[in-house]
Amino acid sequence: MILHAEIQGKGETVVFLHSGLQTGKTDFVHQKEMLNKDMRTIAPDLRGHGNSESDELSNYFVDTAEDLKETMDHLEIDHFHLVGCSLGAIVAIIYAKRYSASLLSLTLSGVTADKPENWKELHEADVAMQRQLLDNEELSAELDELHNSDWRQFIHMGANENWYPFEYTADLKEIETPILIIVGEGNKNEVMTASKYQQLHDNVHVGVIPFGIHLIHEQQYTIYNEMLENFLHRNRED
């Protein structure tokens, strides 16, 4: 499917893939504002989010990566930088493994390579937090306004202990483009992931930002932006 996307600015293209229950419009706001002065930013609503309506989640991450390919083909964009966080980072990894030749660079945050030993406990805590989200009438109403599809389907998807596709995040094989991993020091699993990726792959750069955890592009956006802008300009198309 062709994804609905927010497109701003002119110049070399940077595509932002949002985190779960966000949209292209609501996520990576500070980053788009920074780059729009001399680059074109494209921020799709991933499958089932925002205006990209879908209730088909059975093969979510692979299907959404293919959605991105179809969308970029539709926009006639052959080469671009790809930036993703959390849900969007997983989609970005799968896309990059399949279509690495189309990428000028890849920036990831909020991703875990291997299943942690305490995954069961972590998952149970996430499920409990998601139940609170469902019980929050005000926030639920806001999400109803934000998404044309039923966003609750992602809560149900996440309730499955085996929902996270570690088979795709375990390594970055087949991705030849330069890669930047930005993590918050407070998320130890993501810090270990960044270290593992850097040890296994020569094309990986790592930035660890203090006083932040999973959504580091929001929590410490000034430092994140400096790292991202430097990386993108080092890998601009000649």
C-alpha atoms as a PDB file:
ATOM      1  CA  MET A   1       0.000   0.000   0.000  1.00  0.00           C
ATOM      2  CA  ILE A   2       1.092   3.592  -0.582  1.00  0.00           C
ATOM      3  CA  LEU A   3       1.501   5.329   2.750  1.00  0.00           C
ATOM      4  CA  HIS A   4       0.127   8.770   3.530  1.00  0.00           C
ATOM      5  CA  ALA A   5       3.095  11.080   4.110  1.00  0.00           C
ATOM      6  CA  GLU A   6       3.922  14.601   5.252  1.00  0.00           C
ATOM      7  CA  ILE A   7       6.399  16.163   2.803  1.00  0.00           C
ATOM      8  CA  GLN A   8       8.251  19.410   3.562  1.00  0.00           C
ATOM      9  CA  GLY A   9      11.261  21.330   2.295  1.00  0.00           C
ATOM     10  CA  LYS A  10      13.433  20.908  -0.787  1.00  0.00           C
ATOM     11  CA  GLY A  11      16.708  19.158  -1.475  1.00  0.00           C
ATOM     12  CA  GLU A  12      18.150  15.771  -0.647  1.00  0.00           C
ATOM     13  CA  THR A  13      15.537  13.504   0.953  1.00  0.00           C
ATOM     14  CA  VAL A  14      15.383  12.305   4.557  1.00  0.00           C
ATOM     15  CA  VAL A  15      12.606   9.842   5.457  1.00  0.00           C
ATOM     16  CA  PHE A  16      11.475   9.605   9.101  1.00  0.00           C
ATOM     17  CA  LEU A  17       9.708   6.475  10.400  1.00  0.00           C
ATOM     18  CA  HIS A  18       7.786   7.194  13.580  1.00  0.00           C
ATOM     19  CA  SER A  19       7.445   5.179  16.776  1.00  0.00           C
ATOM     20  CA  GLY A  20       4.335   3.200  17.705  1.00  0.00           C
ATOM     21  CA  LEU A  21       1.006   5.063  17.997  1.00  0.00           C
ATOM     22  CA  GLN A  22       2.598   8.224  16.590  1.00  0.00           C
ATOM     23  CA  THR A  23       2.248   9.519  13.023  1.00  0.00           C
ATOM     24  CA  GLY A  24       4.458  11.171  10.459  1.00  0.00           C
ATOM     25  CA  LYS A  25       3.072  14.524  11.540  1.00  0.00           C
ATOM     26  CA  THR A  26       3.431  14.108  15.313  1.00  0.00           C
ATOM     27  CA  ASP A  27       6.850  12.425  15.598  1.00  0.00           C
ATOM     28  CA  PHE A  28      10.377  13.728  14.823  1.00  0.00           C
ATOM     29  CA  VAL A  29       9.048  17.289  14.993  1.00  0.00           C
ATOM     30  CA  HIS A  30      12.329  18.862  16.165  1.00  0.00           C
ATOM     31  CA  GLN A  31      14.342  16.967  13.577  1.00  0.00           C
ATOM     32  CA  LYS A  32      12.129  17.994  10.666  1.00  0.00           C
ATOM     33  CA  GLU A  33      12.236  21.619  11.747  1.00  0.00           C
ATOM     34  CA  MET A  34      16.034  21.468  11.789  1.00  0.00           C
ATOM     35  CA  LEU A  35      16.423  19.874   8.363  1.00  0.00           C
ATOM     36  CA  ASN A  36      13.695  21.575   6.347  1.00  0.00           C
ATOM     37  CA  LYS A  37      15.914  24.578   5.679  1.00  0.00           C
ATOM     38  CA  ASP A  38      18.078  22.690   3.170  1.00  0.00           C
ATOM     39  CA  MET A  39      16.664  19.164   2.808  1.00  0.00           C
ATOM     40  CA  ARG A  40      13.353  17.549   1.925  1.00  0.00           C
ATOM     41  CA  THR A  41      11.757  15.560   4.745  1.00  0.00           C
ATOM     42  CA  ILE A  42       9.189  12.814   4.194  1.00  0.00           C
ATOM     43  CA  ALA A  43       7.337  11.435   7.204  1.00  0.00           C
ATOM     44  CA  PRO A  44       4.960   8.568   6.331  1.00  0.00           C
ATOM     45  CA  ASP A  45       2.169   7.297   8.524  1.00  0.00           C
ATOM     46  CA  LEU A  46       3.126   3.649   8.916  1.00  0.00           C
ATOM     47  CA  ARG A  47       0.566   0.944   8.174  1.00  0.00           C
ATOM     48  CA  GLY A  48      -2.411   1.200  10.553  1.00  0.00           C
ATOM     49  CA  HIS A  49      -1.333   4.633  11.848  1.00  0.00           C
ATOM     50  CA  GLY A  50      -2.697   8.067  11.068  1.00  0.00           C
ATOM     51  CA  ASN A  51      -4.105   8.241   7.545  1.00  0.00           C
ATOM     52  CA  SER A  52      -2.508   4.976   6.363  1.00  0.00           C
ATOM     53  CA  GLU A  53      -5.540   2.838   7.076  1.00  0.00           C
ATOM     54  CA  SER A  54      -5.087  -0.905   7.511  1.00  0.00           C
ATOM     55  CA  ASP A  55      -6.262  -3.684   9.804  1.00  0.00           C
ATOM     56  CA  GLU A  56      -3.816  -6.234   8.355  1.00  0.00           C
ATOM     57  CA  LEU A  57      -1.098  -6.783  10.963  1.00  0.00           C
ATOM     58  CA  SER A  58      -0.329 -10.485  10.511  1.00  0.00           C
ATOM     59  CA  ASN A  59       3.085  -9.832   8.905  1.00  0.00           C
ATOM     60  CA  TYR A  60       3.340  -6.255  10.079  1.00  0.00           C
ATOM     61  CA  PHE A  61       7.018  -5.353   9.892  1.00  0.00           C
ATOM     62  CA  VAL A  62       7.762  -6.937   6.520  1.00  0.00           C
ATOM     63  CA  ASP A  63       4.526  -5.607   5.008  1.00  0.00           C
ATOM     64  CA  THR A  64       5.268  -2.098   6.273  1.00  0.00           C
ATOM     65  CA  ALA A  65       8.797  -2.206   4.858  1.00  0.00           C
ATOM     66  CA  GLU A  66       7.255  -3.132   1.507  1.00  0.00           C
ATOM     67  CA  ASP A  67       4.754  -0.283   1.946  1.00  0.00           C
ATOM     68  CA  LEU A  68       7.702   2.088   2.250  1.00  0.00           C
ATOM     69  CA  LYS A  69       9.258   0.691  -0.944  1.00  0.00           C
ATOM     70  CA  GLU A  70       5.977   1.142  -2.802  1.00  0.00           C
ATOM     71  CA  THR A  71       5.608   4.680  -1.448  1.00  0.00           C
ATOM     72  CA  MET A  72       9.119   5.773  -2.451  1.00  0.00           C
ATOM     73  CA  ASP A  73       8.659   4.239  -5.901  1.00  0.00           C
ATOM     74  CA  HIS A  74       5.382   6.143  -6.212  1.00  0.00           C
ATOM     75  CA  LEU A  75       7.172   9.376  -5.271  1.00  0.00           C
ATOM     76  CA  GLU A  76       9.939   8.516  -7.774  1.00  0.00           C
ATOM     77  CA  ILE A  77      12.686   8.869  -5.156  1.00  0.00           C
ATOM     78  CA  ASP A  78      15.597   6.505  -5.793  1.00  0.00           C
ATOM     79  CA  HIS A  79      18.037   7.505  -3.043  1.00  0.00           C
ATOM     80  CA  PHE A  80      17.402   8.872   0.419  1.00  0.00           C
ATOM     81  CA  HIS A  81      18.471   8.906   4.056  1.00  0.00           C
ATOM     82  CA  LEU A  82      16.319   6.777   6.388  1.00  0.00           C
ATOM     83  CA  VAL A  83      15.751   7.553  10.082  1.00  0.00           C
ATOM     84  CA  GLY A  84      13.632   5.417  12.418  1.00  0.00           C
ATOM     85  CA  CYS A  85      12.816   5.044  16.101  1.00  0.00           C
ATOM     86  CA  SER A  86      11.366   2.020  17.907  1.00  0.00           C
ATOM     87  CA  LEU A  87       8.613   0.571  15.682  1.00  0.00           C
ATOM     88  CA  GLY A  88       9.943   2.709  12.835  1.00  0.00           C
ATOM     89  CA  ALA A  89      13.509   1.534  13.449  1.00  0.00           C
ATOM     90  CA  ILE A  90      12.466  -2.103  13.068  1.00  0.00           C
ATOM     91  CA  VAL A  91      10.754  -1.297   9.769  1.00  0.00           C
ATOM     92  CA  ALA A  92      13.858   0.654   8.717  1.00  0.00           C
ATOM     93  CA  ILE A  93      16.138  -2.336   9.412  1.00  0.00           C
ATOM     94  CA  ILE A  94      14.000  -4.667   7.315  1.00  0.00           C
ATOM     95  CA  TYR A  95      13.776  -2.120   4.512  1.00  0.00           C
ATOM     96  CA  ALA A  96      17.549  -1.574   4.594  1.00  0.00           C
ATOM     97  CA  LYS A  97      18.250  -5.318   4.453  1.00  0.00           C
ATOM     98  CA  ARG A  98      16.076  -5.604   1.351  1.00  0.00           C
ATOM     99  CA  TYR A  99      16.852  -2.329  -0.407  1.00  0.00           C
ATOM    100  CA  SER A 100      20.220  -1.171   0.919  1.00  0.00           C
ATOM    101  CA  ALA A 101      21.259   0.202  -2.482  1.00  0.00           C
ATOM    102  CA  SER A 102      18.584   2.900  -2.277  1.00  0.00           C
ATOM    103  CA  LEU A 103      19.876   4.325   1.019  1.00  0.00           C
ATOM    104  CA  LEU A 104      22.420   7.092   1.497  1.00  0.00           C
ATOM    105  CA  SER A 105      22.455   6.464   5.251  1.00  0.00           C
ATOM    106  CA  LEU A 106      20.502   4.761   8.023  1.00  0.00           C
ATOM    107  CA  THR A 107      19.911   6.190  11.518  1.00  0.00           C
ATOM    108  CA  LEU A 108      18.325   4.040  14.230  1.00  0.00           C
ATOM    109  CA  SER A 109      17.213   4.485  17.833  1.00  0.00           C
ATOM    110  CA  GLY A 110      14.993   2.600  20.256  1.00  0.00           C
ATOM    111  CA  VAL A 111      15.823  -0.884  18.964  1.00  0.00           C
ATOM    112  CA  THR A 112      17.010  -4.050  20.735  1.00  0.00           C
ATOM    113  CA  ALA A 113      19.081  -6.702  18.966  1.00  0.00           C
ATOM    114  CA  ASP A 114      18.665  -9.762  21.180  1.00  0.00           C
ATOM    115  CA  LYS A 115      15.931 -10.961  23.502  1.00  0.00           C
ATOM    116  CA  PRO A 116      16.969  -9.856  27.027  1.00  0.00           C
ATOM    117  CA  GLU A 117      17.183 -12.481  29.749  1.00  0.00           C
ATOM    118  CA  ASN A 118      14.445 -10.607  31.630  1.00  0.00           C
ATOM    119  CA  TRP A 119      12.236 -10.247  28.553  1.00  0.00           C
ATOM    120  CA  LYS A 120       9.256 -11.867  30.284  1.00  0.00           C
ATOM    121  CA  GLU A 121       9.370  -9.273  33.079  1.00  0.00           C
ATOM    122  CA  LEU A 122       9.915  -6.397  30.639  1.00  0.00           C
ATOM    123  CA  HIS A 123       7.017  -7.551  28.495  1.00  0.00           C
ATOM    124  CA  GLU A 124       4.684  -7.911  31.463  1.00  0.00           C
ATOM    125  CA  ALA A 125       5.520  -4.342  32.511  1.00  0.00           C
ATOM    126  CA  ASP A 126       4.784  -3.092  28.984  1.00  0.00           C
ATOM    127  CA  VAL A 127       1.455  -4.920  28.905  1.00  0.00           C
ATOM    128  CA  ALA A 128       0.487  -3.397  32.262  1.00  0.00           C
ATOM    129  CA  MET A 129       1.356   0.078  30.968  1.00  0.00           C
ATOM    130  CA  GLN A 130      -0.686  -0.517  27.835  1.00  0.00           C
ATOM    131  CA  ARG A 131      -3.688  -1.551  29.924  1.00  0.00           C
ATOM    132  CA  GLN A 132      -3.441   1.820  31.671  1.00  0.00           C
ATOM    133  CA  LEU A 133      -3.456   3.483  28.260  1.00  0.00           C
ATOM    134  CA  LEU A 134      -6.671   1.699  27.336  1.00  0.00           C
ATOM    135  CA  ASP A 135      -8.231   2.842  30.619  1.00  0.00           C
ATOM    136  CA  ASN A 136      -7.252   6.483  30.040  1.00  0.00           C
ATOM    137  CA  GLU A 137     -10.370   7.934  28.403  1.00  0.00           C
ATOM    138  CA  GLU A 138      -8.817  11.306  27.554  1.00  0.00           C
ATOM    139  CA  LEU A 139      -5.737   9.829  25.881  1.00  0.00           C
ATOM    140  CA  SER A 140      -7.817   7.185  24.136  1.00  0.00           C
ATOM    141  CA  ALA A 141     -10.004   9.916  22.658  1.00  0.00           C
ATOM    142  CA  GLU A 142      -6.904  11.750  21.402  1.00  0.00           C
ATOM    143  CA  LEU A 143      -5.625   8.582  19.734  1.00  0.00           C
ATOM    144  CA  ASP A 144      -9.043   7.999  18.173  1.00  0.00           C
ATOM    145  CA  GLU A 145      -8.740  11.443  16.558  1.00  0.00           C
ATOM    146  CA  LEU A 146      -5.173  10.792  15.430  1.00  0.00           C
ATOM    147  CA  HIS A 147      -5.673   7.413  13.737  1.00  0.00           C
ATOM    148  CA  ASN A 148      -8.229   6.405  11.119  1.00  0.00           C
ATOM    149  CA  SER A 149      -7.635   2.717  11.897  1.00  0.00           C
ATOM    150  CA  ASP A 150      -8.271   1.196  15.305  1.00  0.00           C
ATOM    151  CA  TRP A 151      -5.010   1.907  17.155  1.00  0.00           C
ATOM    152  CA  ARG A 152      -5.992  -0.631  19.829  1.00  0.00           C
ATOM    153  CA  GLN A 153      -4.955  -3.395  17.433  1.00  0.00           C
ATOM    154  CA  PHE A 154      -1.330  -2.507  18.201  1.00  0.00           C
ATOM    155  CA  ILE A 155      -1.973  -2.903  21.920  1.00  0.00           C
ATOM    156  CA  HIS A 156      -3.321  -6.372  21.239  1.00  0.00           C
ATOM    157  CA  MET A 157      -0.365  -7.161  18.961  1.00  0.00           C
ATOM    158  CA  GLY A 158       2.067  -6.097  21.686  1.00  0.00           C
ATOM    159  CA  ALA A 159       0.332  -8.299  24.251  1.00  0.00           C
ATOM    160  CA  ASN A 160       1.811 -11.326  22.496  1.00  0.00           C
ATOM    161  CA  GLU A 161       5.104 -12.127  24.223  1.00  0.00           C
ATOM    162  CA  ASN A 162       6.622 -13.076  20.854  1.00  0.00           C
ATOM    163  CA  TRP A 163       5.648  -9.912  18.996  1.00  0.00           C
ATOM    164  CA  TYR A 164       9.162  -8.419  18.768  1.00  0.00           C
ATOM    165  CA  PRO A 165      10.992  -9.561  15.608  1.00  0.00           C
ATOM    166  CA  PHE A 166      14.421 -10.329  17.076  1.00  0.00           C
ATOM    167  CA  GLU A 167      15.139 -12.434  13.990  1.00  0.00           C
ATOM    168  CA  TYR A 168      15.434  -9.158  12.051  1.00  0.00           C
ATOM    169  CA  THR A 169      17.089  -6.984  14.683  1.00  0.00           C
ATOM    170  CA  ALA A 170      19.752  -9.535  15.718  1.00  0.00           C
ATOM    171  CA  ASP A 171      22.269  -8.128  13.244  1.00  0.00           C
ATOM    172  CA  LEU A 172      22.611  -5.646  10.399  1.00  0.00           C
ATOM    173  CA  LYS A 173      23.910  -8.035   7.769  1.00  0.00           C
ATOM    174  CA  GLU A 174      23.344  -7.093   4.132  1.00  0.00           C
ATOM    175  CA  ILE A 175      23.148  -3.373   4.997  1.00  0.00           C
ATOM    176  CA  GLU A 176      26.066  -1.694   3.245  1.00  0.00           C
ATOM    177  CA  THR A 177      25.091   1.931   3.815  1.00  0.00           C
ATOM    178  CA  PRO A 178      26.641   3.999   6.653  1.00  0.00           C
ATOM    179  CA  ILE A 179      24.685   3.463   9.892  1.00  0.00           C
ATOM    180  CA  LEU A 180      24.304   5.652  12.971  1.00  0.00           C
ATOM    181  CA  ILE A 181      22.868   4.208  16.192  1.00  0.00           C
ATOM    182  CA  ILE A 182      21.787   6.789  18.783  1.00  0.00           C
ATOM    183  CA  VAL A 183      20.770   5.525  22.222  1.00  0.00           C
ATOM    184  CA  GLY A 184      19.942   6.906  25.643  1.00  0.00           C
ATOM    185  CA  GLU A 185      22.323   5.712  28.343  1.00  0.00           C
ATOM    186  CA  GLY A 186      19.385   4.814  30.606  1.00  0.00           C
ATOM    187  CA  ASN A 187      18.251   1.926  28.390  1.00  0.00           C
ATOM    188  CA  LYS A 188      20.917  -0.713  28.976  1.00  0.00           C
ATOM    189  CA  ASN A 189      19.572  -3.175  26.394  1.00  0.00           C
ATOM    190  CA  GLU A 190      19.707  -0.532  23.682  1.00  0.00           C
ATOM    191  CA  VAL A 191      23.224   0.505  24.728  1.00  0.00           C
ATOM    192  CA  MET A 192      24.327  -3.143  24.484  1.00  0.00           C
ATOM    193  CA  THR A 193      22.640  -3.374  21.085  1.00  0.00           C
ATOM    194  CA  ALA A 194      24.572  -0.361  19.801  1.00  0.00           C
ATOM    195  CA  SER A 195      27.820  -1.876  21.058  1.00  0.00           C
ATOM    196  CA  LYS A 196      27.046  -5.228  19.434  1.00  0.00           C
ATOM    197  CA  TYR A 197      26.210  -3.626  16.095  1.00  0.00           C
ATOM    198  CA  GLN A 198      29.418  -1.600  16.140  1.00  0.00           C
ATOM    199  CA  GLN A 199      31.555  -4.642  16.951  1.00  0.00           C
ATOM    200  CA  LEU A 200      29.992  -6.736  14.183  1.00  0.00           C
ATOM    201  CA  HIS A 201      29.825  -4.149  11.413  1.00  0.00           C
ATOM    202  CA  ASP A 202      32.506  -1.748  10.187  1.00  0.00           C
ATOM    203  CA  ASN A 203      29.998   0.791   8.862  1.00  0.00           C
ATOM    204  CA  VAL A 204      28.291   1.491  12.224  1.00  0.00           C
ATOM    205  CA  HIS A 205      28.763   4.666  14.271  1.00  0.00           C
ATOM    206  CA  VAL A 206      27.349   4.978  17.793  1.00  0.00           C
ATOM    207  CA  GLY A 207      26.207   7.916  19.883  1.00  0.00           C
ATOM    208  CA  VAL A 208      25.235   7.411  23.543  1.00  0.00           C
ATOM    209  CA  ILE A 209      23.342  10.366  25.021  1.00  0.00           C
ATOM    210  CA  PRO A 210      23.098  10.863  28.802  1.00  0.00           C
ATOM    211  CA  PHE A 211      19.847  11.453  30.691  1.00  0.00           C
ATOM    212  CA  GLY A 212      17.621   9.666  28.212  1.00  0.00           C
ATOM    213  CA  ILE A 213      16.075   6.277  27.502  1.00  0.00           C
ATOM    214  CA  HIS A 214      13.917   4.875  24.679  1.00  0.00           C
ATOM    215  CA  LEU A 215      12.619   7.943  22.817  1.00  0.00           C
ATOM    216  CA  ILE A 216      15.944   9.759  22.864  1.00  0.00           C
ATOM    217  CA  HIS A 217      15.085  11.917  19.819  1.00  0.00           C
ATOM    218  CA  GLU A 218      12.404  13.594  21.960  1.00  0.00           C
ATOM    219  CA  GLN A 219      14.033  13.479  25.392  1.00  0.00           C
ATOM    220  CA  GLN A 220      17.387  14.958  24.351  1.00  0.00           C
ATOM    221  CA  TYR A 221      16.598  16.354  20.927  1.00  0.00           C
ATOM    222  CA  THR A 222      19.297  19.054  20.922  1.00  0.00           C
ATOM    223  CA  ILE A 223      22.149  16.537  21.227  1.00  0.00           C
ATOM    224  CA  TYR A 224      20.353  14.031  18.997  1.00  0.00           C
ATOM    225  CA  ASN A 225      19.916  16.690  16.324  1.00  0.00           C
ATOM    226  CA  GLU A 226      23.602  17.608  16.379  1.00  0.00           C
ATOM    227  CA  MET A 227      24.576  13.973  15.884  1.00  0.00           C
ATOM    228  CA  LEU A 228      22.001  13.410  13.161  1.00  0.00           C
ATOM    229  CA  GLU A 229      22.810  16.566  11.208  1.00  0.00           C
ATOM    230  CA  ASN A 230      26.551  15.840  11.305  1.00  0.00           C
ATOM    231  CA  PHE A 231      25.974  12.270  10.120  1.00  0.00           C
ATOM    232  CA  LEU A 232      23.609  13.238   7.314  1.00  0.00           C
ATOM    233  CA  HIS A 233      25.917  15.924   5.951  1.00  0.00           C
ATOM    234  CA  ARG A 234      28.870  13.517   6.008  1.00  0.00           C
ATOM    235  CA  ASN A 235      26.873  11.132   3.836  1.00  0.00           C
ATOM    236  CA  ARG A 236      25.187  13.465   1.412  1.00  0.00           C
ATOM    237  CA  GLU A 237      24.925  12.389  -2.201  1.00  0.00           C
ATOM    238  CA  ASP A 238      27.676  13.823  -4.422  1.00  0.00           C
END
